[in-house]
Protein backbone atom coordinates (compact mmCIF):
# COMPACT_ATOMS: atom_id res chain seq x y z
CA MET A 1 9.23 20.98 -24.38
CA GLY A 2 6.21 22.83 -25.77
CA GLU A 3 5.06 19.78 -27.70
CA PHE A 4 3.76 18.14 -24.53
CA LEU A 5 3.24 21.14 -22.22
CA LYS A 6 0.51 23.76 -22.53
CA PRO A 7 0.31 27.07 -20.62
CA ILE A 8 -2.10 27.70 -17.76
CA LEU A 9 -3.08 31.30 -17.03
CA THR A 10 -5.05 32.74 -14.14
CA ILE A 11 -8.09 34.80 -15.09
CA GLY A 12 -6.16 38.01 -14.48
CA GLU A 13 -3.19 36.79 -16.52
CA MET A 14 -5.51 35.79 -19.37
CA ARG A 15 -7.00 39.29 -19.48
CA GLU A 16 -3.50 40.77 -19.60
CA PHE A 17 -2.57 38.31 -22.36
CA GLU A 18 -5.62 39.31 -24.39
CA ALA A 19 -4.73 43.00 -23.97
CA LEU A 20 -1.14 42.30 -25.03
CA ALA A 21 -2.29 40.33 -28.08
CA SER A 22 -4.56 43.20 -29.07
CA LEU A 23 -1.83 45.82 -28.61
CA SER A 24 1.06 43.90 -30.18
CA PHE A 25 -0.69 41.82 -32.85
CA ASN A 26 -3.93 43.74 -33.43
CA LEU A 27 -5.79 40.59 -32.37
CA ARG A 28 -9.13 42.22 -31.62
CA GLU A 29 -11.89 40.66 -29.54
CA ASP A 30 -14.08 40.10 -32.59
CA LEU A 31 -11.28 38.19 -34.36
CA ILE A 32 -10.74 36.00 -31.29
CA ILE A 33 -14.44 35.17 -31.14
CA GLU A 34 -14.56 34.29 -34.84
CA ASN A 35 -11.45 32.11 -34.48
CA VAL A 36 -13.00 30.36 -31.48
CA GLY A 37 -16.22 29.68 -33.39
CA LEU A 38 -14.38 28.16 -36.36
CA GLU A 39 -11.89 26.08 -34.32
CA ALA A 40 -14.61 24.81 -31.99
CA ALA A 41 -16.81 23.76 -34.92
CA LEU A 42 -13.97 21.81 -36.53
CA LEU A 43 -13.16 20.16 -33.22
CA LEU A 44 -16.79 19.26 -32.57
CA GLU A 45 -17.02 17.59 -35.97
CA LYS A 46 -14.12 15.35 -34.94
CA LEU A 47 -15.82 14.47 -31.65
CA VAL A 48 -19.38 13.97 -32.93
CA HIS A 49 -19.80 11.65 -35.90
CA SER A 50 -23.58 11.40 -36.05
CA PRO A 51 -25.03 13.36 -39.02
CA ASN A 52 -28.34 13.67 -37.13
CA ALA A 53 -26.87 15.21 -33.99
CA LYS A 54 -28.67 18.26 -32.65
CA PHE A 55 -26.58 21.06 -31.14
CA VAL A 56 -28.09 23.44 -28.61
CA ILE A 57 -26.08 26.49 -27.57
CA LEU A 58 -26.93 27.95 -24.16
CA SER A 59 -25.88 31.59 -24.37
CA GLY A 60 -25.34 33.96 -21.48
CA LYS A 61 -25.12 37.71 -21.96
CA GLY A 62 -21.36 38.24 -22.27
CA ASN A 63 -18.51 37.29 -24.56
CA ASN A 64 -18.61 33.63 -23.50
CA GLY A 65 -22.08 33.66 -25.04
CA ALA A 66 -20.58 35.31 -28.12
CA ASP A 67 -18.12 32.41 -28.44
CA GLY A 68 -21.04 29.99 -28.37
CA VAL A 69 -23.10 31.91 -30.91
CA ALA A 70 -20.12 32.17 -33.29
CA LEU A 71 -19.78 28.40 -32.95
CA ALA A 72 -23.50 27.97 -33.71
CA ARG A 73 -23.15 29.90 -36.96
CA GLN A 74 -20.15 27.81 -38.06
CA LEU A 75 -22.02 24.58 -37.30
CA PHE A 76 -25.04 25.84 -39.25
CA ILE A 77 -22.87 26.71 -42.28
CA ARG A 78 -21.58 23.13 -42.23
CA GLY A 79 -25.09 21.73 -42.40
CA HIS A 80 -25.61 20.74 -38.77
CA GLN A 81 -28.88 21.06 -36.88
CA VAL A 82 -28.31 23.81 -34.34
CA GLU A 83 -30.36 26.15 -32.16
CA ILE A 84 -29.31 29.02 -29.91
CA LEU A 85 -31.15 29.42 -26.62
CA TYR A 86 -30.59 32.84 -25.06
CA LEU A 87 -30.97 33.01 -21.29
CA PHE A 88 -31.06 36.82 -21.09
CA PRO A 89 -32.98 39.54 -22.97
CA GLU A 90 -31.14 41.20 -25.86
CA GLN A 91 -30.85 44.57 -24.09
CA GLU A 92 -28.43 42.93 -21.62
CA PHE A 93 -26.11 41.50 -24.32
CA SER A 94 -22.47 42.60 -24.59
CA SER A 95 -21.55 44.43 -27.78
CA GLU A 96 -19.79 41.36 -29.19
CA LEU A 97 -22.75 39.13 -28.42
CA LEU A 98 -25.05 41.61 -30.18
CA ARG A 99 -22.77 41.47 -33.21
CA VAL A 100 -22.61 37.68 -33.53
CA ALA A 101 -26.32 37.29 -32.67
CA SER A 102 -27.16 39.63 -35.56
CA MET A 103 -24.92 37.61 -37.89
CA ALA A 104 -26.51 34.33 -36.75
CA ARG A 105 -29.99 35.70 -37.50
CA ALA A 106 -28.86 36.88 -40.93
CA TYR A 107 -27.53 33.40 -41.70
CA GLY A 108 -30.81 31.84 -40.60
CA VAL A 109 -29.63 30.09 -37.44
CA ALA A 110 -32.62 29.14 -35.28
CA SER A 111 -32.71 31.01 -31.96
CA ARG A 112 -35.06 31.98 -29.17
CA THR A 113 -34.98 33.39 -25.66
CA ILE A 114 -36.17 30.96 -23.01
CA THR A 115 -37.43 31.72 -19.53
CA SER A 116 -38.11 28.34 -17.93
CA LYS A 117 -36.55 24.93 -17.42
CA GLU A 118 -39.52 23.36 -19.21
CA GLN A 119 -38.56 25.20 -22.39
CA LEU A 120 -34.97 24.02 -22.05
CA ARG A 121 -36.09 20.45 -21.45
CA GLU A 122 -38.30 20.57 -24.55
CA ARG A 123 -35.65 22.10 -26.84
CA ALA A 124 -32.54 20.26 -25.61
CA GLN A 125 -33.66 16.74 -24.72
CA SER A 126 -30.85 14.34 -25.80
CA ALA A 127 -29.07 17.16 -27.61
CA ILE A 128 -25.40 18.08 -27.56
CA ILE A 129 -25.40 21.16 -25.35
CA VAL A 130 -22.74 23.84 -25.61
CA ASP A 131 -22.38 25.73 -22.33
CA ALA A 132 -21.65 29.37 -23.18
CA ILE A 133 -23.45 30.85 -20.18
CA CYS A 134 -20.84 32.37 -17.88
CA GLY A 135 -17.25 31.63 -18.82
CA THR A 136 -14.37 32.82 -16.64
CA GLY A 137 -16.28 35.85 -15.40
CA PHE A 138 -18.63 33.81 -13.21
CA LYS A 139 -19.35 35.22 -9.76
CA ALA A 140 -21.29 33.04 -7.32
CA PRO A 141 -24.08 32.53 -6.60
CA PHE A 142 -26.33 31.75 -9.55
CA THR A 143 -29.71 33.39 -9.79
CA PRO A 144 -32.51 30.86 -9.18
CA PHE A 145 -33.25 30.87 -12.93
CA LEU A 146 -29.65 30.11 -13.97
CA ARG A 147 -29.42 27.45 -11.30
CA GLU A 148 -32.44 25.73 -12.86
CA MET A 149 -30.89 26.04 -16.31
CA VAL A 150 -27.65 24.40 -15.19
CA LEU A 151 -29.39 21.54 -13.39
CA THR A 152 -31.70 20.90 -16.33
CA ALA A 153 -28.85 21.00 -18.85
CA ASN A 154 -26.95 18.40 -16.80
CA GLU A 155 -30.05 16.24 -16.75
CA VAL A 156 -31.18 16.31 -20.39
CA ALA A 157 -27.99 16.59 -22.44
CA GLN A 158 -26.53 13.73 -24.41
CA LEU A 159 -23.15 15.46 -24.27
CA ILE A 160 -22.02 18.80 -22.82
CA ILE A 161 -19.25 21.01 -24.18
CA ALA A 162 -18.15 23.92 -21.96
CA MET A 163 -16.66 26.97 -23.63
CA ASP A 164 -13.46 27.82 -21.71
CA ILE A 165 -14.80 26.79 -18.30
CA PRO A 166 -17.96 25.05 -17.06
CA SER A 167 -20.49 27.61 -15.85
CA GLY A 168 -20.64 27.67 -12.05
CA VAL A 169 -16.92 26.96 -11.60
CA GLU A 170 -14.76 29.81 -10.28
CA GLY A 171 -11.93 30.31 -12.76
CA ASN A 172 -8.90 30.32 -10.46
CA SER A 173 -9.91 28.16 -7.50
CA GLY A 174 -12.20 25.59 -9.13
CA TYR A 175 -14.67 26.35 -6.34
CA VAL A 176 -18.33 25.51 -6.93
CA ALA A 177 -20.65 27.35 -4.59
CA GLU A 178 -23.77 25.34 -5.33
CA VAL A 179 -24.15 23.79 -8.80
CA ALA A 180 -22.13 23.78 -12.01
CA ILE A 181 -22.23 22.39 -15.51
CA ASN A 182 -20.86 18.85 -15.61
CA ALA A 183 -19.03 18.98 -18.92
CA ASP A 184 -17.85 16.03 -20.96
CA TYR A 185 -15.37 18.32 -22.72
CA THR A 186 -14.06 21.78 -21.99
CA PHE A 187 -12.66 23.82 -24.87
CA ALA A 188 -9.87 25.91 -23.33
CA ILE A 189 -9.51 29.22 -25.17
CA GLY A 190 -5.98 30.54 -25.59
CA ALA A 191 -4.64 28.76 -22.50
CA GLY A 192 -5.81 26.44 -19.75
CA LYS A 193 -7.25 27.78 -16.48
CA PRO A 194 -6.24 26.84 -12.91
CA ALA A 195 -9.81 25.74 -12.10
CA TYR A 196 -9.30 22.62 -14.23
CA PHE A 197 -7.02 21.22 -11.52
CA PHE A 198 -8.50 22.43 -8.24
CA SER A 199 -11.47 21.62 -6.03
CA LYS A 200 -14.66 20.59 -7.87
CA GLY A 201 -13.38 22.10 -11.10
CA VAL A 202 -11.43 18.86 -11.55
CA LEU A 203 -14.70 16.93 -11.61
CA CYS A 204 -16.70 19.37 -13.76
CA LYS A 205 -14.36 19.97 -16.66
CA GLY A 206 -14.37 16.57 -18.37
CA LYS A 207 -11.59 16.26 -20.95
CA VAL A 208 -9.86 19.52 -21.83
CA LEU A 209 -9.13 20.32 -25.48
CA TYR A 210 -7.31 23.48 -26.53
CA LEU A 211 -8.37 26.20 -28.97
CA TYR A 212 -5.53 28.50 -30.06
CA ALA A 213 -7.96 31.18 -31.29
CA GLY A 214 -5.15 33.06 -33.02
CA PHE A 215 -3.28 33.86 -29.81
CA PRO A 216 0.53 33.99 -30.03
CA HIS A 217 2.64 31.60 -28.00
CA CYS A 218 2.85 32.59 -24.36
CA SER A 219 5.15 31.54 -21.56
CA SER A 220 3.62 30.88 -18.19
CA ARG A 221 4.61 29.97 -14.66
CA MET A 222 1.94 27.25 -14.81
CA GLU A 223 1.76 24.45 -17.37
CA VAL A 224 -0.01 21.15 -17.88
CA VAL A 225 1.35 17.92 -19.34
CA THR A 226 -0.88 17.18 -22.32
CA HIS A 227 0.96 14.19 -23.80
CA ARG A 228 2.72 11.70 -21.53
CA LYS A 229 4.23 9.61 -24.33
CA LEU A 230 5.80 12.64 -25.99
CA CYS A 231 7.17 13.67 -22.60
CA LEU A 232 8.89 10.30 -22.21
CA GLN A 233 10.06 10.17 -25.82
CA HIS A 234 11.64 13.59 -25.36
CA PHE A 235 13.51 12.40 -22.26
CA PHE A 236 14.80 9.11 -23.64
CA LYS A 237 15.79 10.71 -26.94
CA LYS A 238 17.65 13.53 -25.20
CA TYR A 239 19.39 11.16 -22.78
CA PRO A 240 19.93 7.90 -24.71
CA ARG A 241 21.31 4.78 -23.06
CA SER A 242 24.60 3.80 -24.68
CA GLU A 243 24.94 0.14 -25.61
CA ARG A 244 28.66 0.37 -24.76
CA ALA A 245 28.05 1.55 -21.22
CA HIS A 246 28.71 -0.41 -18.02
CA LYS A 247 26.86 -0.46 -14.70
CA ASN A 248 28.81 2.46 -13.25
CA SER A 249 27.72 4.59 -16.21
CA PHE A 250 24.20 4.68 -14.79
CA GLY A 251 24.92 5.53 -11.21
CA HIS A 252 24.50 3.93 -7.83
CA ALA A 253 21.13 4.52 -6.16
CA LEU A 254 20.49 4.16 -2.43
CA VAL A 255 17.14 3.61 -0.70
CA VAL A 256 16.93 4.20 3.04
CA GLY A 257 13.82 2.97 4.84
CA GLY A 258 12.28 -0.20 6.12
CA SER A 259 11.07 -0.21 9.71
CA LEU A 260 10.07 -3.57 11.14
CA GLY A 261 6.86 -4.72 9.46
CA PHE A 262 7.20 -2.14 6.66
CA THR A 263 10.13 -3.47 4.64
CA GLY A 264 7.85 -4.20 1.67
CA ALA A 265 7.87 -0.47 0.85
CA LEU A 266 11.68 -0.50 0.82
CA ALA A 267 11.73 -3.52 -1.49
CA LEU A 268 9.24 -1.93 -3.91
CA ALA A 269 11.23 1.30 -4.16
CA ALA A 270 14.51 -0.54 -4.68
CA ARG A 271 13.08 -2.79 -7.36
CA ALA A 272 11.49 0.18 -9.16
CA ALA A 273 14.80 2.08 -9.17
CA TYR A 274 16.55 -0.94 -10.66
CA SER A 275 13.79 -1.44 -13.26
CA VAL A 276 14.13 2.05 -14.75
CA GLY A 277 17.85 1.79 -15.34
CA ALA A 278 19.95 2.47 -12.24
CA GLY A 279 23.31 0.73 -12.70
CA LEU A 280 23.53 -0.32 -9.06
CA THR A 281 20.91 -0.22 -6.32
CA THR A 282 21.46 -0.58 -2.60
CA ALA A 283 18.69 -0.66 0.01
CA VAL A 284 19.22 -0.33 3.76
CA SER A 285 16.73 -1.04 6.51
CA GLU A 286 16.66 -0.40 10.23
CA GLU A 287 18.78 -2.73 12.31
CA ASP A 288 15.91 -4.75 13.78
CA ALA A 289 14.19 -5.11 10.38
CA TYR A 290 17.22 -6.36 8.45
CA GLU A 291 16.39 -10.07 8.60
CA GLU A 292 12.82 -9.32 7.51
CA PHE A 293 14.04 -7.20 4.62
CA LEU A 294 16.42 -9.90 3.37
CA LEU A 295 13.39 -12.13 2.80
CA ARG A 296 11.76 -9.48 0.59
CA ALA A 297 14.67 -7.84 -1.20
CA PRO A 298 15.15 -8.48 -4.93
CA ALA A 299 18.18 -10.62 -5.71
CA GLU A 300 19.73 -7.81 -7.77
CA VAL A 301 19.64 -5.29 -4.90
CA MET A 302 22.47 -4.99 -2.39
CA CYS A 303 21.23 -4.89 1.19
CA GLY A 304 22.48 -3.21 4.34
CA LYS A 305 21.58 -1.41 7.56
CA HIS A 306 21.18 2.30 8.28
CA SER A 307 24.38 2.38 10.31
CA SER A 308 26.46 1.50 7.26
CA ILE A 309 25.83 4.56 5.09
CA SER A 310 27.13 7.69 6.86
CA ALA A 311 30.76 7.37 5.77
CA VAL A 312 30.00 6.58 2.13
CA ALA A 313 26.83 8.60 1.39
CA ASN A 314 28.44 10.83 -1.22
CA ASN A 315 29.45 7.76 -3.24
CA TYR A 316 25.81 7.38 -4.26
CA GLN A 317 24.48 9.41 -7.21
CA ALA A 318 21.00 9.68 -5.67
CA ILE A 319 19.53 8.83 -2.27
CA LEU A 320 15.91 8.18 -1.37
CA VAL A 321 14.90 8.32 2.30
CA GLY A 322 11.49 7.34 3.62
CA PRO A 323 9.84 4.21 2.16
CA GLY A 324 8.66 2.09 5.07
CA LEU A 325 10.09 4.36 7.76
CA VAL A 326 7.76 4.92 10.71
CA GLY A 327 7.92 7.28 13.65
CA ASP A 328 10.74 9.81 13.91
CA LYS A 329 13.55 7.40 13.08
CA SER A 330 14.64 9.39 10.01
CA GLU A 331 15.50 12.46 12.10
CA ALA A 332 19.09 11.57 12.95
CA LEU A 333 19.94 10.47 9.42
CA LEU A 334 18.39 13.56 7.84
CA CYS A 335 20.35 15.79 10.21
CA LYS A 336 23.54 14.19 8.88
CA LEU A 337 22.53 14.24 5.20
CA LEU A 338 21.34 17.84 5.34
CA GLY A 339 23.96 19.08 7.77
CA LYS A 340 27.73 19.43 7.69
CA GLU A 341 28.48 15.88 8.83
CA ILE A 342 27.67 14.40 5.40
CA ALA A 343 26.48 17.45 3.39
CA TYR A 344 25.12 15.21 0.65
CA GLU A 345 25.78 16.87 -2.70
CA HIS A 346 23.62 14.88 -5.15
CA PRO A 347 19.82 14.61 -5.60
CA LEU A 348 18.09 13.73 -2.34
CA LEU A 349 14.56 12.33 -2.50
CA LEU A 350 12.37 12.43 0.60
CA ASP A 351 9.18 10.41 0.85
CA ALA A 352 6.79 9.02 3.45
CA GLY A 353 8.60 8.66 6.80
CA ALA A 354 11.15 11.33 5.90
CA LEU A 355 8.49 14.03 5.50
CA THR A 356 8.54 15.24 9.10
CA PRO A 357 7.34 18.63 10.40
CA LYS A 358 10.95 19.62 11.14
CA LEU A 359 12.07 19.04 7.55
CA LEU A 360 11.39 22.30 5.71
CA PRO A 361 13.54 24.62 7.88
CA ARG A 362 16.49 22.25 7.41
CA LEU A 363 16.16 22.45 3.62
CA LYS A 364 16.88 26.19 3.73
CA GLU A 365 20.59 25.41 4.05
CA ARG A 366 20.73 22.84 1.23
CA THR A 367 21.86 23.87 -2.27
CA ALA A 368 21.85 20.50 -4.08
CA PRO A 369 18.60 19.23 -5.67
CA THR A 370 15.94 17.92 -3.28
CA ILE A 371 12.69 16.21 -4.28
CA LEU A 372 9.74 15.77 -1.91
CA THR A 373 6.88 13.40 -2.76
CA PRO A 374 4.05 14.05 -0.27
CA HIS A 375 0.39 13.21 -0.59
CA ILE A 376 -2.05 15.92 0.53
CA GLY A 377 -2.04 14.88 4.20
CA GLU A 378 1.78 14.89 4.37
CA TRP A 379 1.91 18.20 2.48
CA VAL A 380 -0.30 20.15 4.86
CA ARG A 381 1.53 18.61 7.81
CA LEU A 382 4.83 19.85 6.36
CA LEU A 383 3.40 23.35 5.93
CA GLY A 384 1.74 23.40 9.35
CA ILE A 385 -1.71 24.21 7.96
CA SER A 386 -5.04 22.38 7.88
CA LYS A 387 -6.35 20.60 4.81
CA SER A 388 -9.29 23.01 4.67
CA GLU A 389 -6.90 25.98 4.63
CA PHE A 390 -5.04 24.46 1.71
CA GLU A 391 -8.21 23.59 -0.23
CA ALA A 392 -9.54 27.13 0.24
CA ASP A 393 -6.58 28.63 -1.63
CA ARG A 394 -4.45 25.94 -3.27
CA LEU A 395 -2.88 28.31 -5.77
CA GLY A 396 -2.04 30.91 -3.15
CA VAL A 397 -0.42 28.35 -0.85
CA MET A 398 1.64 26.91 -3.70
CA LYS A 399 2.85 30.33 -4.85
CA LYS A 400 3.84 31.26 -1.30
CA PHE A 401 5.83 28.03 -0.99
CA LEU A 402 7.67 28.79 -4.25
CA GLU A 403 8.50 32.27 -3.00
CA ASP A 404 9.65 31.04 0.43
CA PHE A 405 12.08 28.53 -1.11
CA LYS A 406 13.13 30.41 -4.25
CA THR A 407 16.83 30.22 -3.32
CA GLN A 408 16.76 26.40 -3.07
CA GLU A 409 16.65 23.79 -5.83
CA LEU A 410 13.58 22.10 -4.42
CA ILE A 411 10.91 20.15 -6.29
CA VAL A 412 7.65 18.96 -4.73
CA ILE A 413 5.58 16.25 -6.39
CA LEU A 414 2.22 16.65 -4.70
CA LYS A 415 0.45 13.34 -5.20
CA ASP A 416 -3.28 13.47 -5.86
CA SER A 417 -5.67 12.38 -8.60
CA CYS A 418 -4.18 15.40 -10.38
CA THR A 419 -0.51 15.44 -9.43
CA THR A 420 1.06 18.88 -9.08
CA ILE A 421 4.78 19.56 -9.50
CA LEU A 422 6.26 22.64 -7.81
CA ASN A 423 9.75 23.73 -8.84
CA THR A 424 11.34 26.46 -6.74
CA LYS A 425 14.30 26.86 -9.11
CA ASN A 426 12.14 28.30 -11.91
CA SER A 427 9.00 29.08 -9.84
CA LYS A 428 6.94 26.79 -12.06
CA ILE A 429 3.80 24.81 -11.29
CA ILE A 430 3.12 21.86 -13.60
CA PHE A 431 -0.06 19.79 -13.51
CA HIS A 432 -0.06 16.10 -14.40
CA ASP A 433 -3.76 15.32 -14.67
CA TYR A 434 -4.08 11.61 -15.47
CA PRO A 435 -6.28 10.11 -12.75
CA ASN A 436 -6.22 6.35 -12.35
CA SER A 437 -7.75 4.52 -9.39
CA ALA A 438 -5.19 1.74 -9.88
CA LEU A 439 -2.80 4.11 -8.08
CA ALA A 440 -5.15 4.55 -5.12
CA LYS A 441 -3.44 1.73 -3.25
CA GLY A 442 -0.66 1.30 -0.74
CA GLY A 443 2.73 0.92 -2.34
CA SER A 444 2.10 2.95 -5.50
CA GLY A 445 3.87 5.95 -3.94
CA ASP A 446 6.87 3.78 -3.08
CA VAL A 447 7.08 2.75 -6.72
CA LEU A 448 6.97 6.39 -7.85
CA ALA A 449 9.74 7.24 -5.38
CA GLY A 450 11.81 4.36 -6.73
CA VAL A 451 11.26 5.47 -10.33
CA LEU A 452 12.44 8.95 -9.41
CA LEU A 453 15.47 7.53 -7.62
CA GLY A 454 16.51 5.32 -10.53
CA LEU A 455 16.14 8.07 -13.12
CA CYS A 456 17.94 10.60 -10.87
CA SER A 457 20.85 8.17 -10.47
CA VAL A 458 21.12 7.83 -14.24
CA ALA A 459 20.59 11.58 -14.69
CA VAL A 460 23.53 12.55 -12.46
CA MET A 461 25.87 10.45 -14.60
CA GLY A 462 24.34 11.81 -17.81
CA LYS A 463 24.13 15.39 -16.51
CA ALA A 464 20.38 15.55 -17.17
CA GLU A 465 18.17 18.30 -15.77
CA ILE A 466 16.43 17.11 -12.61
CA SER A 467 13.25 18.97 -13.64
CA GLU A 468 13.14 16.82 -16.78
CA VAL A 469 13.71 13.69 -14.69
CA VAL A 470 10.69 14.57 -12.55
CA LEU A 471 8.43 15.09 -15.57
CA ALA A 472 9.61 11.82 -17.11
CA ALA A 473 9.18 9.88 -13.86
CA THR A 474 5.61 11.06 -13.26
CA ALA A 475 4.71 10.32 -16.88
CA LEU A 476 6.30 6.86 -16.71
CA HIS A 477 4.58 6.02 -13.43
CA SER A 478 1.12 7.03 -14.66
CA LEU A 479 1.56 5.26 -18.01
CA ALA A 480 2.60 2.12 -16.13
CA ALA A 481 -0.62 2.37 -14.14
CA LYS A 482 -2.56 2.63 -17.39
CA VAL A 483 -0.85 -0.44 -18.86
CA ALA A 484 -1.30 -2.47 -15.66
CA SER A 485 -4.98 -1.53 -15.24
CA GLN A 486 -5.72 -2.41 -18.87
CA LYS A 487 -4.24 -5.83 -18.26
CA LEU A 488 -5.57 -6.52 -14.76
CA SER A 489 -8.33 -3.91 -14.12
CA SER A 490 -7.82 -0.98 -11.77
CA HIS A 491 -9.31 -3.09 -8.97
CA GLY A 492 -6.72 -5.82 -9.30
CA VAL A 493 -3.48 -3.89 -9.82
CA MET A 494 -0.92 -4.31 -7.06
CA ALA A 495 2.05 -2.02 -6.60
CA SER A 496 4.40 -4.75 -7.81
CA ASP A 497 2.37 -4.94 -11.04
CA LEU A 498 3.29 -1.29 -11.69
CA ILE A 499 6.96 -2.26 -11.70
CA ASP A 500 6.34 -4.98 -14.27
CA ALA A 501 4.49 -2.42 -16.39
CA LEU A 502 7.35 0.12 -16.17
CA THR A 503 9.55 -2.02 -18.39
CA THR A 504 6.70 -2.49 -20.89
CA VAL A 505 6.22 1.26 -21.17
CA ILE A 506 9.96 1.93 -21.54
CA ARG A 507 10.27 -0.71 -24.25
CA LYS A 508 7.37 0.74 -26.23
CA ILE A 509 8.57 4.32 -25.86
CA SER A 510 12.15 3.42 -26.74
CA ASN A 511 11.02 1.62 -29.88
């Protein structure tokens, strides 16, 4: 699956990877820096088409600065207008920065050391600025001078490219103490960094593009989806839909939810499950909401009440509990599904009203696949921590969760502008960073839950990996949001429009 997933390494892991590459492949620091300079120059030429563009490299005193200066030399060789602005005196340069600075001078690249924001404003007004100030080694806070440099760069630049990570962003947490470079693009060197997906790092990084820099392939416990369409193509190619199949070939999906006044969520989830290929879909509401639900249910969906499912639960290939459930009314049913009374043996999806504080201890006894789809508020409530505690150490909290549930087959889809997938079976964290405000509306989560349900139902019959189902479902859901918002605008998209868009995406991907 490497064609649509890229590795993410913590700052410590990246240092270990660099040391391993040096020891095993003789990939020295100077070679990495030269590779970065060349790759970055070629990438910049694809991004910037103006022959009159002016490039200004802001260099710190370490090897991030060396990356920027190597880039400056490559741009100069290719005939571009480029100037290096050093923010520190030469006696403070790292050995690699001294080396590439000497080469740049020999080639005739313009450079100077600046000491004020006025000088930066004069030299970089409307320029394309390359941020090579701090890199992953940044430690807050900035000196007053560097703070001025960052603020001025943000103000005057036409475009900003950050080398590896925007200066001012802490590499693992994404934390910004005061100010940071607001990049339009970040060139990730060797692998992505956790800061791209956490805290204010999400907002500062712009679009991330990857430089291989000569590094060998690495496996990582963290990855990012870099190509949604390839992700879906991989899934549908690996698990094709036979034209000679019948409805039972694609499983029977069950949605349990629908409190009085909230049956719309149940209807959305059921319709979404049906739209992505479930052979049969049944939806059951609470007793007092049944008449209301009948008015909203799609004609293709079989309808029932909660009381009807206990004896036949294991006849369903996947069950979703939660859409439109309010209060603690899921407690009794979950006790049966997770306990010995039913001991449900297929994928169980828990969303919304099923995500109660008592849930996690009960999952310790379950061995079949379970998928949770909380938003941030539901997630911290499940864990029994505050939102501020989670935001202070997202990565640490996630890793602890994976360790605590490592004996279960449990997947969490943590819904946010950057969705995070936690898989306890392989201890992986996968980021799905495709923000779209069309999804910032009630009902969009119910559609995602329904997509997961429908694909899980099909997957059980086709013996597909549930981890692959989750990747495909999140990709399909976010692509549907893209299609719907292009047609209707992100303001006007309703959750039901996402379902219409699902079939459009599937048709295009399948073709």
